[in-house]
C-alpha atoms as a PDB file:
ATOM      1  CA  UNK A   1     325.451  41.867  79.841  1.00  0.00           C
ATOM      2  CA  UNK A   2     327.095  44.875  81.502  1.00  0.00           C
ATOM      3  CA  UNK A   3     325.701  47.349  78.991  1.00  0.00           C
ATOM      4  CA  UNK A   4     322.216  45.785  79.308  1.00  0.00           C
ATOM      5  CA  UNK A   5     322.142  46.182  83.134  1.00  0.00           C
ATOM      6  CA  UNK A   6     323.401  49.782  82.929  1.00  0.00           C
ATOM      7  CA  UNK A   7     320.808  50.542  80.184  1.00  0.00           C
ATOM      8  CA  UNK A   8     317.983  49.176  82.285  1.00  0.00           C
ATOM      9  CA  UNK A   9     319.154  51.262  85.286  1.00  0.00           C
ATOM     10  CA  UNK A  10     319.129  54.349  83.109  1.00  0.00           C
ATOM     11  CA  UNK A  11     315.684  53.513  81.832  1.00  0.00           C
ATOM     12  CA  UNK A  12     314.360  53.156  85.381  1.00  0.00           C
ATOM     13  CA  UNK A  13     315.995  56.511  86.334  1.00  0.00           C
ATOM     14  CA  UNK A  14     314.348  58.092  83.266  1.00  0.00           C
ATOM     15  CA  UNK A  15     310.929  56.810  84.293  1.00  0.00           C
ATOM     16  CA  UNK A  16     311.337  58.175  87.833  1.00  0.00           C
ATOM     17  CA  UNK A  17     312.554  61.560  86.558  1.00  0.00           C
ATOM     18  CA  UNK A  18     309.639  61.783  84.100  1.00  0.00           C
ATOM     19  CA  UNK A  19     307.123  60.803  86.838  1.00  0.00           C
ATOM     20  CA  UNK A  20     308.569  63.542  89.107  1.00  0.00           C
ATOM     21  CA  UNK A  21     308.443  65.995  86.207  1.00  0.00           C
ATOM     22  CA  UNK A  22     304.791  65.218  85.513  1.00  0.00           C
ATOM     23  CA  UNK A  23     303.920  65.721  89.190  1.00  0.00           C
ATOM     24  CA  UNK A  24     305.645  69.144  89.184  1.00  0.00           C
ATOM     25  CA  UNK A  25     304.086  70.166  85.845  1.00  0.00           C
ATOM     26  CA  UNK A  26     300.570  69.104  86.810  1.00  0.00           C
ATOM     27  CA  UNK A  27     300.503  70.019  90.463  1.00  0.00           C
ATOM     28  CA  UNK A  28     303.057  72.892  90.904  1.00  0.00           C
ATOM     29  CA  UNK A  29     302.633  74.692  94.237  1.00  0.00           C
ATOM     30  CA  UNK A  30     300.111  72.105  95.499  1.00  0.00           C
ATOM     31  CA  UNK A  31     302.761  69.419  95.158  1.00  0.00           C
ATOM     32  CA  UNK A  32     305.170  71.500  97.282  1.00  0.00           C
ATOM     33  CA  UNK A  33     302.471  72.132  99.854  1.00  0.00           C
ATOM     34  CA  UNK A  34     301.633  68.469 100.206  1.00  0.00           C
ATOM     35  CA  UNK A  35     305.325  67.561 100.657  1.00  0.00           C
ATOM     36  CA  UNK A  36     306.670  70.435 102.784  1.00  0.00           C
ATOM     37  CA  UNK A  37     303.622  71.987 104.540  1.00  0.00           C
ATOM     38  CA  UNK A  38     301.587  70.711 107.445  1.00  0.00           C
ATOM     39  CA  UNK A  39     297.866  70.078 106.855  1.00  0.00           C
ATOM     40  CA  UNK A  40     296.206  72.093 109.609  1.00  0.00           C
ATOM     41  CA  UNK A  41     292.527  71.505 108.886  1.00  0.00           C
ATOM     42  CA  UNK A  42     290.208  69.836 106.415  1.00  0.00           C
ATOM     43  CA  UNK A  43     286.473  69.790 105.857  1.00  0.00           C
ATOM     44  CA  UNK A  44     284.018  68.521 103.238  1.00  0.00           C
ATOM     45  CA  UNK A  45     281.140  70.154 101.382  1.00  0.00           C
ATOM     46  CA  UNK A  46     278.641  67.409 100.457  1.00  0.00           C
ATOM     47  CA  UNK A  47     277.099  69.423  97.618  1.00  0.00           C
ATOM     48  CA  UNK A  48     279.624  69.360  94.811  1.00  0.00           C
ATOM     49  CA  UNK A  49     281.744  66.688  96.709  1.00  0.00           C
ATOM     50  CA  UNK A  50     284.448  69.177  97.598  1.00  0.00           C
ATOM     51  CA  UNK A  51     287.218  68.638 100.094  1.00  0.00           C
ATOM     52  CA  UNK A  52     288.855  71.852 101.383  1.00  0.00           C
ATOM     53  CA  UNK A  53     292.260  71.723 103.025  1.00  0.00           C
ATOM     54  CA  UNK A  54     294.216  74.314 104.981  1.00  0.00           C
ATOM     55  CA  UNK A  55     298.055  74.045 104.836  1.00  0.00           C
ATOM     56  CA  UNK A  56     300.710  75.979 106.773  1.00  0.00           C
ATOM     57  CA  UNK A  57     304.458  75.980 106.232  1.00  0.00           C
ATOM     58  CA  UNK A  58     307.577  77.861 105.372  1.00  0.00           C
ATOM     59  CA  UNK A  59     310.552  77.286 103.142  1.00  0.00           C
ATOM     60  CA  UNK A  60     313.122  77.824 105.889  1.00  0.00           C
ATOM     61  CA  UNK A  61     314.378  80.084 108.630  1.00  0.00           C
ATOM     62  CA  UNK A  62     314.640  83.197 106.466  1.00  0.00           C
ATOM     63  CA  UNK A  63     311.135  83.077 105.005  1.00  0.00           C
ATOM     64  CA  UNK A  64     307.755  83.934 106.517  1.00  0.00           C
ATOM     65  CA  UNK A  65     304.942  81.460 106.933  1.00  0.00           C
ATOM     66  CA  UNK A  66     302.781  80.661 103.940  1.00  0.00           C
ATOM     67  CA  UNK A  67     299.163  79.523 104.259  1.00  0.00           C
ATOM     68  CA  UNK A  68     297.326  77.761 101.488  1.00  0.00           C
ATOM     69  CA  UNK A  69     293.719  76.658 101.121  1.00  0.00           C
ATOM     70  CA  UNK A  70     293.057  74.106  98.410  1.00  0.00           C
ATOM     71  CA  UNK A  71     289.949  72.525  96.894  1.00  0.00           C
ATOM     72  CA  UNK A  72     289.712  68.952  95.657  1.00  0.00           C
ATOM     73  CA  UNK A  73     286.643  67.705  93.839  1.00  0.00           C
ATOM     74  CA  UNK A  74     285.592  64.065  94.227  1.00  0.00           C
ATOM     75  CA  UNK A  75     288.213  61.346  94.333  1.00  0.00           C
ATOM     76  CA  UNK A  76     290.582  62.979  91.840  1.00  0.00           C
ATOM     77  CA  UNK A  77     293.987  63.677  93.535  1.00  0.00           C
ATOM     78  CA  UNK A  78     294.348  67.102  91.983  1.00  0.00           C
ATOM     79  CA  UNK A  79     293.970  69.990  94.374  1.00  0.00           C
ATOM     80  CA  UNK A  80     293.653  73.624  93.286  1.00  0.00           C
ATOM     81  CA  UNK A  81     294.708  76.622  95.320  1.00  0.00           C
ATOM     82  CA  UNK A  82     291.927  79.043  96.151  1.00  0.00           C
ATOM     83  CA  UNK A  83     293.622  81.114  98.859  1.00  0.00           C
ATOM     84  CA  UNK A  84     297.278  81.979  99.587  1.00  0.00           C
ATOM     85  CA  UNK A  85     298.803  84.136 102.238  1.00  0.00           C
ATOM     86  CA  UNK A  86     302.520  84.914 102.684  1.00  0.00           C
ATOM     87  CA  UNK A  87     303.699  86.749 105.777  1.00  0.00           C
ATOM     88  CA  UNK A  88     300.659  86.162 107.904  1.00  0.00           C
ATOM     89  CA  UNK A  89     298.331  83.468 109.240  1.00  0.00           C
ATOM     90  CA  UNK A  90     294.852  84.914 108.771  1.00  0.00           C
ATOM     91  CA  UNK A  91     292.939  81.608 108.896  1.00  0.00           C
ATOM     92  CA  UNK A  92     292.768  79.407 111.904  1.00  0.00           C
ATOM     93  CA  UNK A  93     290.020  76.977 110.902  1.00  0.00           C
ATOM     94  CA  UNK A  94     287.766  75.821 108.041  1.00  0.00           C
ATOM     95  CA  UNK A  95     284.086  75.287 108.773  1.00  0.00           C
ATOM     96  CA  UNK A  96     282.091  73.461 106.088  1.00  0.00           C
ATOM     97  CA  UNK A  97     278.318  73.426 105.796  1.00  0.00           C
ATOM     98  CA  UNK A  98     276.069  71.774 103.253  1.00  0.00           C
ATOM     99  CA  UNK A  99     276.778  74.218 100.425  1.00  0.00           C
ATOM    100  CA  UNK A 100     279.493  76.550 101.750  1.00  0.00           C
ATOM    101  CA  UNK A 101     282.784  76.955 103.672  1.00  0.00           C
ATOM    102  CA  UNK A 102     283.854  79.669 106.100  1.00  0.00           C
ATOM    103  CA  UNK A 103     287.496  80.650 106.633  1.00  0.00           C
ATOM    104  CA  UNK A 104     287.626  81.525 110.333  1.00  0.00           C
ATOM    105  CA  UNK A 105     290.314  83.584 112.067  1.00  0.00           C
ATOM    106  CA  UNK A 106     291.411  87.162 111.335  1.00  0.00           C
ATOM    107  CA  UNK A 107     289.264  86.831 108.232  1.00  0.00           C
ATOM    108  CA  UNK A 108     285.761  85.506 108.431  1.00  0.00           C
ATOM    109  CA  UNK A 109     285.041  84.860 104.785  1.00  0.00           C
ATOM    110  CA  UNK A 110     282.299  82.508 103.530  1.00  0.00           C
ATOM    111  CA  UNK A 111     282.163  81.086 100.060  1.00  0.00           C
ATOM    112  CA  UNK A 112     279.550  78.900  98.387  1.00  0.00           C
ATOM    113  CA  UNK A 113     280.504  75.709  96.579  1.00  0.00           C
ATOM    114  CA  UNK A 114     279.789  77.448  93.305  1.00  0.00           C
ATOM    115  CA  UNK A 115     282.083  80.446  94.141  1.00  0.00           C
ATOM    116  CA  UNK A 116     284.905  78.077  95.085  1.00  0.00           C
ATOM    117  CA  UNK A 117     284.636  76.141  91.810  1.00  0.00           C
ATOM    118  CA  UNK A 118     284.154  79.022  89.427  1.00  0.00           C
ATOM    119  CA  UNK A 119     285.652  82.235  90.817  1.00  0.00           C
ATOM    120  CA  UNK A 120     288.324  81.175  93.283  1.00  0.00           C
ATOM    121  CA  UNK A 121     289.804  78.343  91.248  1.00  0.00           C
ATOM    122  CA  UNK A 122     290.274  80.730  88.331  1.00  0.00           C
ATOM    123  CA  UNK A 123     291.330  83.715  90.502  1.00  0.00           C
ATOM    124  CA  UNK A 124     292.535  82.673  93.962  1.00  0.00           C
ATOM    125  CA  UNK A 125     292.693  85.191  96.770  1.00  0.00           C
ATOM    126  CA  UNK A 126     296.363  86.040  97.371  1.00  0.00           C
ATOM    127  CA  UNK A 127     297.559  88.057 100.334  1.00  0.00           C
ATOM    128  CA  UNK A 128     301.115  89.244 100.878  1.00  0.00           C
ATOM    129  CA  UNK A 129     301.828  90.603 104.361  1.00  0.00           C
ATOM    130  CA  UNK A 130     298.077  90.967 104.871  1.00  0.00           C
ATOM    131  CA  UNK A 131     297.460  93.006 101.694  1.00  0.00           C
ATOM    132  CA  UNK A 132     295.686  91.648  98.573  1.00  0.00           C
ATOM    133  CA  UNK A 133     297.869  91.175  95.548  1.00  0.00           C
ATOM    134  CA  UNK A 134     296.104  92.721  92.481  1.00  0.00           C
ATOM    135  CA  UNK A 135     295.360  90.278  89.644  1.00  0.00           C
ATOM    136  CA  UNK A 136     297.587  92.250  87.231  1.00  0.00           C
ATOM    137  CA  UNK A 137     300.604  91.820  89.529  1.00  0.00           C
ATOM    138  CA  UNK A 138     300.277  88.026  89.741  1.00  0.00           C
ATOM    139  CA  UNK A 139     302.194  85.500  87.650  1.00  0.00           C
ATOM    140  CA  UNK A 140     299.947  83.845  85.054  1.00  0.00           C
ATOM    141  CA  UNK A 141     302.162  80.807  85.298  1.00  0.00           C
ATOM    142  CA  UNK A 142     303.530  78.679  88.155  1.00  0.00           C
ATOM    143  CA  UNK A 143     307.323  78.867  88.463  1.00  0.00           C
ATOM    144  CA  UNK A 144     307.432  75.449  90.143  1.00  0.00           C
ATOM    145  CA  UNK A 145     305.823  73.904  87.144  1.00  0.00           C
ATOM    146  CA  UNK A 146     308.315  75.439  84.730  1.00  0.00           C
ATOM    147  CA  UNK A 147     311.587  75.405  86.643  1.00  0.00           C
ATOM    148  CA  UNK A 148     311.191  72.013  88.290  1.00  0.00           C
ATOM    149  CA  UNK A 149     308.869  70.040  86.086  1.00  0.00           C
ATOM    150  CA  UNK A 150     310.175  70.705  82.595  1.00  0.00           C
ATOM    151  CA  UNK A 151     313.889  70.042  83.403  1.00  0.00           C
ATOM    152  CA  UNK A 152     312.877  66.715  84.963  1.00  0.00           C
ATOM    153  CA  UNK A 153     310.946  65.798  81.869  1.00  0.00           C
ATOM    154  CA  UNK A 154     313.861  66.699  79.668  1.00  0.00           C
ATOM    155  CA  UNK A 155     316.327  64.827  81.910  1.00  0.00           C
ATOM    156  CA  UNK A 156     313.978  61.803  81.815  1.00  0.00           C
ATOM    157  CA  UNK A 157     313.925  61.931  78.019  1.00  0.00           C
ATOM    158  CA  UNK A 158     317.699  62.100  77.860  1.00  0.00           C
ATOM    159  CA  UNK A 159     318.185  59.261  80.319  1.00  0.00           C
ATOM    160  CA  UNK A 160     315.564  57.240  78.545  1.00  0.00           C
ATOM    161  CA  UNK A 161     317.277  57.627  75.162  1.00  0.00           C
ATOM    162  CA  UNK A 162     320.674  56.884  76.637  1.00  0.00           C
ATOM    163  CA  UNK A 163     319.362  53.845  78.496  1.00  0.00           C
ATOM    164  CA  UNK A 164     317.560  52.466  75.498  1.00  0.00           C
ATOM    165  CA  UNK A 165     320.589  52.822  73.233  1.00  0.00           C
ATOM    166  CA  UNK A 166     322.859  51.286  75.953  1.00  0.00           C
ATOM    167  CA  UNK A 167     320.550  48.332  76.683  1.00  0.00           C
ATOM    168  CA  UNK A 168     319.428  47.532  73.180  1.00  0.00           C
ATOM    169  CA  UNK A 169     322.193  48.634  70.811  1.00  0.00           C
ATOM    170  CA  UNK A 170     322.592  46.343  67.787  1.00  0.00           C
ATOM    171  CA  UNK A 171     325.834  44.969  66.478  1.00  0.00           C
ATOM    172  CA  UNK A 172     327.696  45.146  69.776  1.00  0.00           C
ATOM    173  CA  UNK A 173     328.355  42.142  71.997  1.00  0.00           C
ATOM    174  CA  UNK A 174     326.539  42.203  75.349  1.00  0.00           C
END
């Protein structure tokens, strides 16, 4: 019975590791923002059923503030980053209208619902110390997805295999 209990514990650990891995792989930076950053503002565009959120946070005493604006369509929990600023806080509020949103603050930029969904989701605006980061200098992949998500998925697979063989091995007394 001892091996069975240990195996079940390993299987539960495997499931939790794999769920965490899937969250990191599917959400990446947005997952980090939702956990570590403070939601400063939120508004809703009725046309297109878009919820826009403004987050502010930092990763510790030795890093500058990071500001993110995300878009979520409908009830799906997946948010996509459309604006990111490191080393400055250019947006103080979001103002939504029927078909557009305005980022107010140092920047007064307005975007239609269509621009948010097509252009900014594919190519978010990224500022570093107030300067735009050119598209060719950006990573085409999210390091959080790779370096956090994939190891958790692998760990989950290893724990799952180990738990399964421990709990349900044949020919050995329980």
